């Protein structure tokens, strides 16, 4: 029997819980016993995901001190005293407070596995477990890449100068090839006159056609120079129309009105194809300022949904 005990005050994102179950079932097998411990607020925020994975919630008493860790540890020891005892116990928390529990259960021959969000994993607790699974790592890296990409796009472009000498020399060379022998000298002279010398520099944004258009039209000795800029497509892919209902459908945990981790919301929006890889979640949510609050405003890490009369 495998047991998965979740500290909902620590592993408090629906996306993290979903990712943990998928990894565990693929690598460790089924989890017959699934329990989540935490405050009423945190368990309410995970309600949708707990319902999806059929996890039993255990609400702590409302006291001045948090008792989640103790409640989880008591049940873990109770399972260890059963006959037969579990083959594996998974602790859904990176809190180092569970270290004595992990050591004791491991001594009884139980395989101990930890599931934690990367930023909440206690380093001193890693060696105590037989296996540590970090969730939310890809999304954190993706958000960092998005912020870096946005900074690059916002920075002014310093274009490297491109001299027109290349176009001038190319045009002369082309003229010598296509011109009739009788008018070769006259044509080369005309090209040199039409293509100015390299007295000015052209920004790299306007890419100079290095082969310089030298065409034979109705008259064989007419040469035309044509320099065209290459159209650059926008790096941001415009997604189809997205509204508040679509966002709530993709991230049902927002309906609770409790702040949700921005990283988890961003991943859910990407999975639902409501935003592209080059569009940040904050940019999308800021389109609906009356419905979604990004906190703190300077460097947001959470998202909170506030229903209005038109969405109720």
C-alpha atoms as a PDB file:
ATOM      1  CA  UNK A   1       0.000   0.000   0.000  1.00  0.00           C
ATOM      2  CA  UNK A   2       1.228   3.498  -0.902  1.00  0.00           C
ATOM      3  CA  UNK A   3       0.233   6.574   1.134  1.00  0.00           C
ATOM      4  CA  UNK A   4       0.312  10.193  -0.058  1.00  0.00           C
ATOM      5  CA  UNK A   5      -0.056  12.779   2.751  1.00  0.00           C
ATOM      6  CA  UNK A   6      -0.219  16.403   1.539  1.00  0.00           C
ATOM      7  CA  UNK A   7       0.624  19.437   3.666  1.00  0.00           C
ATOM      8  CA  UNK A   8      -1.839  21.856   2.008  1.00  0.00           C
ATOM      9  CA  UNK A   9      -0.277  24.796   3.859  1.00  0.00           C
ATOM     10  CA  UNK A  10       2.990  24.084   2.004  1.00  0.00           C
ATOM     11  CA  UNK A  11       2.045  22.362  -1.259  1.00  0.00           C
ATOM     12  CA  UNK A  12      -0.787  24.839  -1.772  1.00  0.00           C
ATOM     13  CA  UNK A  13      -1.165  25.061  -5.558  1.00  0.00           C
ATOM     14  CA  UNK A  14      -3.615  22.965  -7.546  1.00  0.00           C
ATOM     15  CA  UNK A  15      -1.160  22.793 -10.449  1.00  0.00           C
ATOM     16  CA  UNK A  16       1.569  21.434  -8.146  1.00  0.00           C
ATOM     17  CA  UNK A  17      -0.738  18.781  -6.693  1.00  0.00           C
ATOM     18  CA  UNK A  18      -1.853  17.697 -10.162  1.00  0.00           C
ATOM     19  CA  UNK A  19       1.757  17.481 -11.387  1.00  0.00           C
ATOM     20  CA  UNK A  20       2.733  15.469  -8.276  1.00  0.00           C
ATOM     21  CA  UNK A  21       0.009  12.860  -8.810  1.00  0.00           C
ATOM     22  CA  UNK A  22       0.900  12.443 -12.483  1.00  0.00           C
ATOM     23  CA  UNK A  23       4.592  11.894 -11.714  1.00  0.00           C
ATOM     24  CA  UNK A  24       3.908   9.518  -8.804  1.00  0.00           C
ATOM     25  CA  UNK A  25       1.416   7.343 -10.694  1.00  0.00           C
ATOM     26  CA  UNK A  26       3.767   7.118 -13.683  1.00  0.00           C
ATOM     27  CA  UNK A  27       6.892   6.215 -11.674  1.00  0.00           C
ATOM     28  CA  UNK A  28       5.770   4.806  -8.283  1.00  0.00           C
ATOM     29  CA  UNK A  29       2.381   3.263  -9.052  1.00  0.00           C
ATOM     30  CA  UNK A  30      -1.104   3.989  -7.671  1.00  0.00           C
ATOM     31  CA  UNK A  31      -1.704   5.866  -4.413  1.00  0.00           C
ATOM     32  CA  UNK A  32      -4.643   4.175  -2.628  1.00  0.00           C
ATOM     33  CA  UNK A  33      -4.443   6.457   0.447  1.00  0.00           C
ATOM     34  CA  UNK A  34      -4.644  10.173  -0.394  1.00  0.00           C
ATOM     35  CA  UNK A  35      -5.072  12.817   2.302  1.00  0.00           C
ATOM     36  CA  UNK A  36      -4.604  16.589   2.484  1.00  0.00           C
ATOM     37  CA  UNK A  37      -4.107  18.506   5.754  1.00  0.00           C
ATOM     38  CA  UNK A  38      -4.368  22.264   6.173  1.00  0.00           C
ATOM     39  CA  UNK A  39      -6.365  25.316   7.096  1.00  0.00           C
ATOM     40  CA  UNK A  40      -9.885  25.778   5.773  1.00  0.00           C
ATOM     41  CA  UNK A  41      -8.697  28.563   3.445  1.00  0.00           C
ATOM     42  CA  UNK A  42      -5.915  26.546   1.815  1.00  0.00           C
ATOM     43  CA  UNK A  43      -8.048  23.427   1.456  1.00  0.00           C
ATOM     44  CA  UNK A  44     -10.791  25.519  -0.141  1.00  0.00           C
ATOM     45  CA  UNK A  45      -8.268  26.827  -2.681  1.00  0.00           C
ATOM     46  CA  UNK A  46      -7.343  23.228  -3.564  1.00  0.00           C
ATOM     47  CA  UNK A  47     -10.959  21.980  -3.566  1.00  0.00           C
ATOM     48  CA  UNK A  48     -11.217  21.476  -7.331  1.00  0.00           C
ATOM     49  CA  UNK A  49      -7.944  19.558  -7.621  1.00  0.00           C
ATOM     50  CA  UNK A  50      -8.654  17.462  -4.514  1.00  0.00           C
ATOM     51  CA  UNK A  51     -11.988  16.515  -6.055  1.00  0.00           C
ATOM     52  CA  UNK A  52     -10.307  15.539  -9.349  1.00  0.00           C
ATOM     53  CA  UNK A  53      -7.855  13.194  -7.600  1.00  0.00           C
ATOM     54  CA  UNK A  54     -10.317  12.037  -4.890  1.00  0.00           C
ATOM     55  CA  UNK A  55      -8.188  13.293  -1.990  1.00  0.00           C
ATOM     56  CA  UNK A  56      -9.725  13.337   1.519  1.00  0.00           C
ATOM     57  CA  UNK A  57      -9.357  16.778   3.146  1.00  0.00           C
ATOM     58  CA  UNK A  58      -8.570  17.070   6.874  1.00  0.00           C
ATOM     59  CA  UNK A  59      -9.234  20.572   8.231  1.00  0.00           C
ATOM     60  CA  UNK A  60      -7.172  21.730  11.208  1.00  0.00           C
ATOM     61  CA  UNK A  61      -8.714  23.266  14.296  1.00  0.00           C
ATOM     62  CA  UNK A  62      -8.703  27.063  14.227  1.00  0.00           C
ATOM     63  CA  UNK A  63      -5.989  27.764  16.797  1.00  0.00           C
ATOM     64  CA  UNK A  64      -3.447  30.503  17.386  1.00  0.00           C
ATOM     65  CA  UNK A  65      -0.699  28.136  16.175  1.00  0.00           C
ATOM     66  CA  UNK A  66      -0.694  26.061  13.005  1.00  0.00           C
ATOM     67  CA  UNK A  67      -1.108  22.337  13.723  1.00  0.00           C
ATOM     68  CA  UNK A  68      -0.935  20.942  10.186  1.00  0.00           C
ATOM     69  CA  UNK A  69       2.497  19.315  10.570  1.00  0.00           C
ATOM     70  CA  UNK A  70       1.526  17.499  13.772  1.00  0.00           C
ATOM     71  CA  UNK A  71      -1.786  16.262  12.339  1.00  0.00           C
ATOM     72  CA  UNK A  72       0.023  14.835   9.305  1.00  0.00           C
ATOM     73  CA  UNK A  73       2.769  13.252  11.442  1.00  0.00           C
ATOM     74  CA  UNK A  74       0.273  11.575  13.795  1.00  0.00           C
ATOM     75  CA  UNK A  75      -1.559   9.913  10.881  1.00  0.00           C
ATOM     76  CA  UNK A  76       1.743   8.875   9.276  1.00  0.00           C
ATOM     77  CA  UNK A  77       2.816   7.089  12.489  1.00  0.00           C
ATOM     78  CA  UNK A  78      -0.623   5.484  12.767  1.00  0.00           C
ATOM     79  CA  UNK A  79      -0.227   4.044   9.266  1.00  0.00           C
ATOM     80  CA  UNK A  80       3.280   2.800  10.146  1.00  0.00           C
ATOM     81  CA  UNK A  81       1.835   0.860  13.134  1.00  0.00           C
ATOM     82  CA  UNK A  82      -0.759  -0.914  11.018  1.00  0.00           C
ATOM     83  CA  UNK A  83      -0.365  -4.500   9.809  1.00  0.00           C
ATOM     84  CA  UNK A  84       0.670  -4.688   7.091  1.00  0.00           C
ATOM     85  CA  UNK A  85       2.396  -1.327   7.168  1.00  0.00           C
ATOM     86  CA  UNK A  86       2.678   0.830   4.003  1.00  0.00           C
ATOM     87  CA  UNK A  87       5.427   0.076   1.491  1.00  0.00           C
ATOM     88  CA  UNK A  88       5.833   3.765   0.721  1.00  0.00           C
ATOM     89  CA  UNK A  89       4.806   7.050   2.332  1.00  0.00           C
ATOM     90  CA  UNK A  90       4.903  10.268   0.284  1.00  0.00           C
ATOM     91  CA  UNK A  91       5.092  13.559   2.196  1.00  0.00           C
ATOM     92  CA  UNK A  92       3.715  16.467   0.166  1.00  0.00           C
ATOM     93  CA  UNK A  93       5.883  19.138   1.761  1.00  0.00           C
ATOM     94  CA  UNK A  94       9.500  20.304   1.672  1.00  0.00           C
ATOM     95  CA  UNK A  95       9.364  21.478   5.297  1.00  0.00           C
ATOM     96  CA  UNK A  96      12.379  20.301   7.318  1.00  0.00           C
ATOM     97  CA  UNK A  97      10.102  19.891  10.371  1.00  0.00           C
ATOM     98  CA  UNK A  98       9.156  16.455   9.012  1.00  0.00           C
ATOM     99  CA  UNK A  99      12.763  15.209   9.201  1.00  0.00           C
ATOM    100  CA  UNK A 100      12.352  13.226  12.500  1.00  0.00           C
ATOM    101  CA  UNK A 101       9.198  11.571  11.116  1.00  0.00           C
ATOM    102  CA  UNK A 102      10.931  10.648   7.847  1.00  0.00           C
ATOM    103  CA  UNK A 103      13.933   9.103   9.640  1.00  0.00           C
ATOM    104  CA  UNK A 104      11.719   7.067  11.979  1.00  0.00           C
ATOM    105  CA  UNK A 105       9.531   5.665   9.185  1.00  0.00           C
ATOM    106  CA  UNK A 106      12.554   4.910   7.033  1.00  0.00           C
ATOM    107  CA  UNK A 107      14.084   2.920   9.910  1.00  0.00           C
ATOM    108  CA  UNK A 108      10.951   0.756   9.894  1.00  0.00           C
ATOM    109  CA  UNK A 109      11.647  -0.176   6.274  1.00  0.00           C
ATOM    110  CA  UNK A 110       9.165   2.211   4.641  1.00  0.00           C
ATOM    111  CA  UNK A 111      10.246   3.891   1.404  1.00  0.00           C
ATOM    112  CA  UNK A 112      10.072   7.660   1.956  1.00  0.00           C
ATOM    113  CA  UNK A 113       9.392  10.087  -0.904  1.00  0.00           C
ATOM    114  CA  UNK A 114       9.078  13.872  -0.757  1.00  0.00           C
ATOM    115  CA  UNK A 115       7.093  16.093  -3.157  1.00  0.00           C
ATOM    116  CA  UNK A 116       7.838  19.799  -2.865  1.00  0.00           C
ATOM    117  CA  UNK A 117       7.794  22.991  -4.860  1.00  0.00           C
ATOM    118  CA  UNK A 118      11.413  23.824  -5.704  1.00  0.00           C
ATOM    119  CA  UNK A 119      11.532  27.070  -3.729  1.00  0.00           C
ATOM    120  CA  UNK A 120      10.107  25.449  -0.574  1.00  0.00           C
ATOM    121  CA  UNK A 121      12.388  22.405  -0.333  1.00  0.00           C
ATOM    122  CA  UNK A 122      14.570  22.396   2.798  1.00  0.00           C
ATOM    123  CA  UNK A 123      18.122  21.478   1.748  1.00  0.00           C
ATOM    124  CA  UNK A 124      18.910  19.700   5.011  1.00  0.00           C
ATOM    125  CA  UNK A 125      15.937  17.358   4.496  1.00  0.00           C
ATOM    126  CA  UNK A 126      16.906  16.103   1.015  1.00  0.00           C
ATOM    127  CA  UNK A 127      19.286  13.361   2.200  1.00  0.00           C
ATOM    128  CA  UNK A 128      16.669  11.912   4.573  1.00  0.00           C
ATOM    129  CA  UNK A 129      14.356  10.844   1.744  1.00  0.00           C
ATOM    130  CA  UNK A 130      14.775   7.945  -0.669  1.00  0.00           C
ATOM    131  CA  UNK A 131      13.513  10.197  -3.450  1.00  0.00           C
ATOM    132  CA  UNK A 132      12.706  13.912  -3.812  1.00  0.00           C
ATOM    133  CA  UNK A 133      10.324  15.164  -6.531  1.00  0.00           C
ATOM    134  CA  UNK A 134      10.352  18.891  -7.275  1.00  0.00           C
ATOM    135  CA  UNK A 135       7.259  20.315  -8.977  1.00  0.00           C
ATOM    136  CA  UNK A 136       6.652  23.697 -10.551  1.00  0.00           C
ATOM    137  CA  UNK A 137      10.295  23.925 -11.684  1.00  0.00           C
ATOM    138  CA  UNK A 138       9.519  24.159 -15.410  1.00  0.00           C
ATOM    139  CA  UNK A 139       7.026  26.944 -14.887  1.00  0.00           C
ATOM    140  CA  UNK A 140       9.412  28.948 -12.711  1.00  0.00           C
ATOM    141  CA  UNK A 141      12.093  28.675 -15.394  1.00  0.00           C
ATOM    142  CA  UNK A 142       9.584  29.574 -18.098  1.00  0.00           C
ATOM    143  CA  UNK A 143       8.461  32.702 -16.224  1.00  0.00           C
ATOM    144  CA  UNK A 144      12.092  33.781 -15.804  1.00  0.00           C
ATOM    145  CA  UNK A 145      12.675  33.307 -19.534  1.00  0.00           C
ATOM    146  CA  UNK A 146       9.544  35.323 -20.323  1.00  0.00           C
ATOM    147  CA  UNK A 147      10.707  38.207 -18.125  1.00  0.00           C
ATOM    148  CA  UNK A 148      14.142  38.140 -19.759  1.00  0.00           C
ATOM    149  CA  UNK A 149      12.593  38.092 -23.239  1.00  0.00           C
ATOM    150  CA  UNK A 150      10.321  41.029 -22.368  1.00  0.00           C
ATOM    151  CA  UNK A 151      13.311  43.011 -21.119  1.00  0.00           C
ATOM    152  CA  UNK A 152      15.193  42.336 -24.356  1.00  0.00           C
ATOM    153  CA  UNK A 153      12.221  43.424 -26.478  1.00  0.00           C
ATOM    154  CA  UNK A 154      11.814  46.608 -24.448  1.00  0.00           C
ATOM    155  CA  UNK A 155      15.495  47.575 -24.732  1.00  0.00           C
ATOM    156  CA  UNK A 156      16.423  49.913 -27.629  1.00  0.00           C
ATOM    157  CA  UNK A 157      18.110  48.191 -30.529  1.00  0.00           C
ATOM    158  CA  UNK A 158      21.615  49.366 -31.364  1.00  0.00           C
ATOM    159  CA  UNK A 159      21.996  48.662 -35.053  1.00  0.00           C
ATOM    160  CA  UNK A 160      25.382  47.854 -36.530  1.00  0.00           C
ATOM    161  CA  UNK A 161      26.208  50.155 -39.461  1.00  0.00           C
ATOM    162  CA  UNK A 162      26.257  48.668 -42.942  1.00  0.00           C
ATOM    163  CA  UNK A 163      28.189  50.557 -45.567  1.00  0.00           C
ATOM    164  CA  UNK A 164      26.745  51.024 -49.013  1.00  0.00           C
ATOM    165  CA  UNK A 165      30.071  50.088 -50.537  1.00  0.00           C
ATOM    166  CA  UNK A 166      28.893  46.467 -50.816  1.00  0.00           C
ATOM    167  CA  UNK A 167      25.853  47.429 -52.873  1.00  0.00           C
ATOM    168  CA  UNK A 168      27.944  49.708 -55.068  1.00  0.00           C
ATOM    169  CA  UNK A 169      30.588  47.092 -55.817  1.00  0.00           C
ATOM    170  CA  UNK A 170      27.958  44.392 -56.427  1.00  0.00           C
ATOM    171  CA  UNK A 171      26.026  46.607 -58.821  1.00  0.00           C
ATOM    172  CA  UNK A 172      29.152  47.351 -60.838  1.00  0.00           C
ATOM    173  CA  UNK A 173      30.039  43.659 -60.998  1.00  0.00           C
ATOM    174  CA  UNK A 174      26.527  42.725 -62.146  1.00  0.00           C
ATOM    175  CA  UNK A 175      26.579  45.460 -64.739  1.00  0.00           C
ATOM    176  CA  UNK A 176      29.758  44.105 -66.270  1.00  0.00           C
ATOM    177  CA  UNK A 177      28.156  40.691 -66.677  1.00  0.00           C
ATOM    178  CA  UNK A 178      24.766  41.630 -68.122  1.00  0.00           C
ATOM    179  CA  UNK A 179      25.782  44.632 -70.222  1.00  0.00           C
ATOM    180  CA  UNK A 180      26.347  44.290 -73.954  1.00  0.00           C
ATOM    181  CA  UNK A 181      30.022  44.627 -74.879  1.00  0.00           C
ATOM    182  CA  UNK A 182      29.326  47.734 -76.953  1.00  0.00           C
ATOM    183  CA  UNK A 183      27.909  49.755 -74.055  1.00  0.00           C
ATOM    184  CA  UNK A 184      29.883  48.182 -71.164  1.00  0.00           C
ATOM    185  CA  UNK A 185      31.856  51.292 -70.254  1.00  0.00           C
ATOM    186  CA  UNK A 186      28.835  53.563 -70.407  1.00  0.00           C
ATOM    187  CA  UNK A 187      26.763  51.216 -68.282  1.00  0.00           C
ATOM    188  CA  UNK A 188      29.419  50.820 -65.592  1.00  0.00           C
ATOM    189  CA  UNK A 189      29.788  54.576 -65.471  1.00  0.00           C
ATOM    190  CA  UNK A 190      26.014  54.956 -65.021  1.00  0.00           C
ATOM    191  CA  UNK A 191      25.974  52.437 -62.196  1.00  0.00           C
ATOM    192  CA  UNK A 192      28.776  54.219 -60.354  1.00  0.00           C
ATOM    193  CA  UNK A 193      26.845  57.439 -60.696  1.00  0.00           C
ATOM    194  CA  UNK A 194      23.507  55.960 -59.534  1.00  0.00           C
ATOM    195  CA  UNK A 195      24.949  54.135 -56.506  1.00  0.00           C
ATOM    196  CA  UNK A 196      26.431  56.762 -54.149  1.00  0.00           C
ATOM    197  CA  UNK A 197      29.768  56.258 -52.476  1.00  0.00           C
ATOM    198  CA  UNK A 198      29.946  55.095 -48.841  1.00  0.00           C
ATOM    199  CA  UNK A 199      29.618  58.483 -47.172  1.00  0.00           C
ATOM    200  CA  UNK A 200      26.715  57.489 -44.946  1.00  0.00           C
ATOM    201  CA  UNK A 201      25.791  54.420 -42.904  1.00  0.00           C
ATOM    202  CA  UNK A 202      22.545  52.462 -43.067  1.00  0.00           C
ATOM    203  CA  UNK A 203      21.123  50.913 -39.852  1.00  0.00           C
ATOM    204  CA  UNK A 204      21.054  47.127 -39.797  1.00  0.00           C
ATOM    205  CA  UNK A 205      17.259  47.255 -39.375  1.00  0.00           C
ATOM    206  CA  UNK A 206      16.924  48.125 -43.057  1.00  0.00           C
ATOM    207  CA  UNK A 207      18.700  45.166 -44.583  1.00  0.00           C
ATOM    208  CA  UNK A 208      20.452  46.098 -47.823  1.00  0.00           C
ATOM    209  CA  UNK A 209      19.915  43.709 -50.686  1.00  0.00           C
ATOM    210  CA  UNK A 210      23.496  42.552 -51.250  1.00  0.00           C
ATOM    211  CA  UNK A 211      22.810  41.430 -54.807  1.00  0.00           C
ATOM    212  CA  UNK A 212      21.366  44.884 -55.669  1.00  0.00           C
ATOM    213  CA  UNK A 213      18.606  44.675 -58.255  1.00  0.00           C
ATOM    214  CA  UNK A 214      20.206  45.001 -61.687  1.00  0.00           C
ATOM    215  CA  UNK A 215      17.603  44.037 -64.245  1.00  0.00           C
ATOM    216  CA  UNK A 216      17.334  44.043 -67.980  1.00  0.00           C
ATOM    217  CA  UNK A 217      14.011  45.598 -68.953  1.00  0.00           C
ATOM    218  CA  UNK A 218      12.834  46.757 -72.357  1.00  0.00           C
ATOM    219  CA  UNK A 219      16.106  48.592 -72.969  1.00  0.00           C
ATOM    220  CA  UNK A 220      19.139  46.320 -72.369  1.00  0.00           C
ATOM    221  CA  UNK A 221      21.342  49.065 -70.873  1.00  0.00           C
ATOM    222  CA  UNK A 222      19.013  50.336 -68.105  1.00  0.00           C
ATOM    223  CA  UNK A 223      20.135  49.438 -64.552  1.00  0.00           C
ATOM    224  CA  UNK A 224      17.932  50.007 -61.486  1.00  0.00           C
ATOM    225  CA  UNK A 225      19.076  49.848 -57.872  1.00  0.00           C
ATOM    226  CA  UNK A 226      16.392  48.794 -55.428  1.00  0.00           C
ATOM    227  CA  UNK A 227      16.922  48.604 -51.670  1.00  0.00           C
ATOM    228  CA  UNK A 228      13.947  47.214 -49.738  1.00  0.00           C
ATOM    229  CA  UNK A 229      13.639  46.685 -45.979  1.00  0.00           C
ATOM    230  CA  UNK A 230      12.584  43.226 -44.855  1.00  0.00           C
ATOM    231  CA  UNK A 231       9.309  43.200 -42.943  1.00  0.00           C
ATOM    232  CA  UNK A 232       9.819  41.848 -39.437  1.00  0.00           C
ATOM    233  CA  UNK A 233       6.906  39.969 -37.932  1.00  0.00           C
ATOM    234  CA  UNK A 234       5.912  40.758 -34.384  1.00  0.00           C
ATOM    235  CA  UNK A 235       7.464  38.419 -31.815  1.00  0.00           C
ATOM    236  CA  UNK A 236       4.215  38.324 -29.862  1.00  0.00           C
ATOM    237  CA  UNK A 237       1.660  35.875 -31.216  1.00  0.00           C
ATOM    238  CA  UNK A 238      -1.822  37.262 -30.910  1.00  0.00           C
ATOM    239  CA  UNK A 239      -4.114  34.701 -29.337  1.00  0.00           C
ATOM    240  CA  UNK A 240      -7.814  34.410 -30.175  1.00  0.00           C
ATOM    241  CA  UNK A 241     -10.302  36.347 -28.051  1.00  0.00           C
ATOM    242  CA  UNK A 242      -9.885  35.554 -24.352  1.00  0.00           C
ATOM    243  CA  UNK A 243     -12.434  36.591 -21.741  1.00  0.00           C
ATOM    244  CA  UNK A 244     -12.823  36.237 -17.971  1.00  0.00           C
ATOM    245  CA  UNK A 245     -14.974  33.112 -18.317  1.00  0.00           C
ATOM    246  CA  UNK A 246     -12.286  31.346 -20.351  1.00  0.00           C
ATOM    247  CA  UNK A 247      -9.632  32.191 -17.751  1.00  0.00           C
ATOM    248  CA  UNK A 248     -11.802  30.897 -14.888  1.00  0.00           C
ATOM    249  CA  UNK A 249     -12.499  27.716 -16.839  1.00  0.00           C
ATOM    250  CA  UNK A 250      -8.763  27.152 -17.285  1.00  0.00           C
ATOM    251  CA  UNK A 251      -7.934  28.024 -13.654  1.00  0.00           C
ATOM    252  CA  UNK A 252     -10.961  26.993 -11.541  1.00  0.00           C
ATOM    253  CA  UNK A 253      -9.049  27.632  -8.307  1.00  0.00           C
ATOM    254  CA  UNK A 254      -9.398  31.379  -8.944  1.00  0.00           C
ATOM    255  CA  UNK A 255     -13.161  31.151  -8.378  1.00  0.00           C
ATOM    256  CA  UNK A 256     -12.546  30.715  -4.649  1.00  0.00           C
ATOM    257  CA  UNK A 257     -11.394  34.334  -4.410  1.00  0.00           C
ATOM    258  CA  UNK A 258      -8.207  33.230  -2.658  1.00  0.00           C
ATOM    259  CA  UNK A 259      -4.809  34.410  -3.992  1.00  0.00           C
ATOM    260  CA  UNK A 260      -3.282  31.790  -6.295  1.00  0.00           C
ATOM    261  CA  UNK A 261       0.436  31.468  -7.193  1.00  0.00           C
ATOM    262  CA  UNK A 262       1.147  33.339 -10.422  1.00  0.00           C
ATOM    263  CA  UNK A 263       3.383  30.519 -11.684  1.00  0.00           C
ATOM    264  CA  UNK A 264       0.569  27.966 -11.389  1.00  0.00           C
ATOM    265  CA  UNK A 265      -1.944  30.281 -13.097  1.00  0.00           C
ATOM    266  CA  UNK A 266       0.514  30.974 -15.912  1.00  0.00           C
ATOM    267  CA  UNK A 267       1.024  27.249 -16.506  1.00  0.00           C
ATOM    268  CA  UNK A 268      -2.725  26.593 -16.590  1.00  0.00           C
ATOM    269  CA  UNK A 269      -3.281  29.427 -19.093  1.00  0.00           C
ATOM    270  CA  UNK A 270      -0.517  28.043 -21.303  1.00  0.00           C
ATOM    271  CA  UNK A 271      -1.906  24.492 -21.132  1.00  0.00           C
ATOM    272  CA  UNK A 272      -5.367  25.819 -22.059  1.00  0.00           C
ATOM    273  CA  UNK A 273      -3.801  27.682 -25.010  1.00  0.00           C
ATOM    274  CA  UNK A 274      -5.171  30.997 -23.767  1.00  0.00           C
ATOM    275  CA  UNK A 275      -1.727  32.537 -24.204  1.00  0.00           C
ATOM    276  CA  UNK A 276       1.289  31.848 -26.361  1.00  0.00           C
ATOM    277  CA  UNK A 277       4.785  31.058 -25.143  1.00  0.00           C
ATOM    278  CA  UNK A 278       5.837  34.623 -25.974  1.00  0.00           C
ATOM    279  CA  UNK A 279       2.955  36.243 -24.068  1.00  0.00           C
ATOM    280  CA  UNK A 280       3.359  36.679 -20.305  1.00  0.00           C
ATOM    281  CA  UNK A 281       0.502  35.762 -18.004  1.00  0.00           C
ATOM    282  CA  UNK A 282       0.681  39.171 -16.317  1.00  0.00           C
ATOM    283  CA  UNK A 283       0.111  40.947 -19.633  1.00  0.00           C
ATOM    284  CA  UNK A 284      -2.978  38.812 -20.277  1.00  0.00           C
ATOM    285  CA  UNK A 285      -4.453  39.271 -16.784  1.00  0.00           C
ATOM    286  CA  UNK A 286      -3.862  43.035 -16.805  1.00  0.00           C
ATOM    287  CA  UNK A 287      -6.423  43.245 -19.619  1.00  0.00           C
ATOM    288  CA  UNK A 288      -9.063  42.578 -16.944  1.00  0.00           C
ATOM    289  CA  UNK A 289      -8.020  44.877 -14.044  1.00  0.00           C
ATOM    290  CA  UNK A 290     -11.500  44.853 -12.490  1.00  0.00           C
ATOM    291  CA  UNK A 291     -11.475  41.049 -12.192  1.00  0.00           C
ATOM    292  CA  UNK A 292      -7.882  40.020 -11.470  1.00  0.00           C
ATOM    293  CA  UNK A 293      -5.522  41.639  -8.962  1.00  0.00           C
ATOM    294  CA  UNK A 294      -1.770  40.985  -9.331  1.00  0.00           C
ATOM    295  CA  UNK A 295      -0.055  41.209  -5.961  1.00  0.00           C
ATOM    296  CA  UNK A 296       2.209  42.794  -5.044  1.00  0.00           C
ATOM    297  CA  UNK A 297       1.806  45.342  -7.896  1.00  0.00           C
ATOM    298  CA  UNK A 298       5.552  45.920  -8.356  1.00  0.00           C
ATOM    299  CA  UNK A 299       6.635  42.278  -8.679  1.00  0.00           C
ATOM    300  CA  UNK A 300       3.456  40.159  -8.618  1.00  0.00           C
ATOM    301  CA  UNK A 301       3.670  36.566  -7.383  1.00  0.00           C
ATOM    302  CA  UNK A 302      -0.035  35.881  -6.789  1.00  0.00           C
ATOM    303  CA  UNK A 303      -3.331  36.393  -8.641  1.00  0.00           C
ATOM    304  CA  UNK A 304      -6.688  37.059  -6.946  1.00  0.00           C
ATOM    305  CA  UNK A 305     -10.051  36.991  -8.695  1.00  0.00           C
ATOM    306  CA  UNK A 306     -12.768  39.483  -7.727  1.00  0.00           C
ATOM    307  CA  UNK A 307     -16.202  38.789  -9.270  1.00  0.00           C
ATOM    308  CA  UNK A 308     -18.292  41.710 -10.475  1.00  0.00           C
ATOM    309  CA  UNK A 309     -21.990  42.040 -11.174  1.00  0.00           C
ATOM    310  CA  UNK A 310     -21.577  41.243 -14.861  1.00  0.00           C
ATOM    311  CA  UNK A 311     -19.764  37.981 -14.098  1.00  0.00           C
ATOM    312  CA  UNK A 312     -21.834  36.742 -11.161  1.00  0.00           C
END
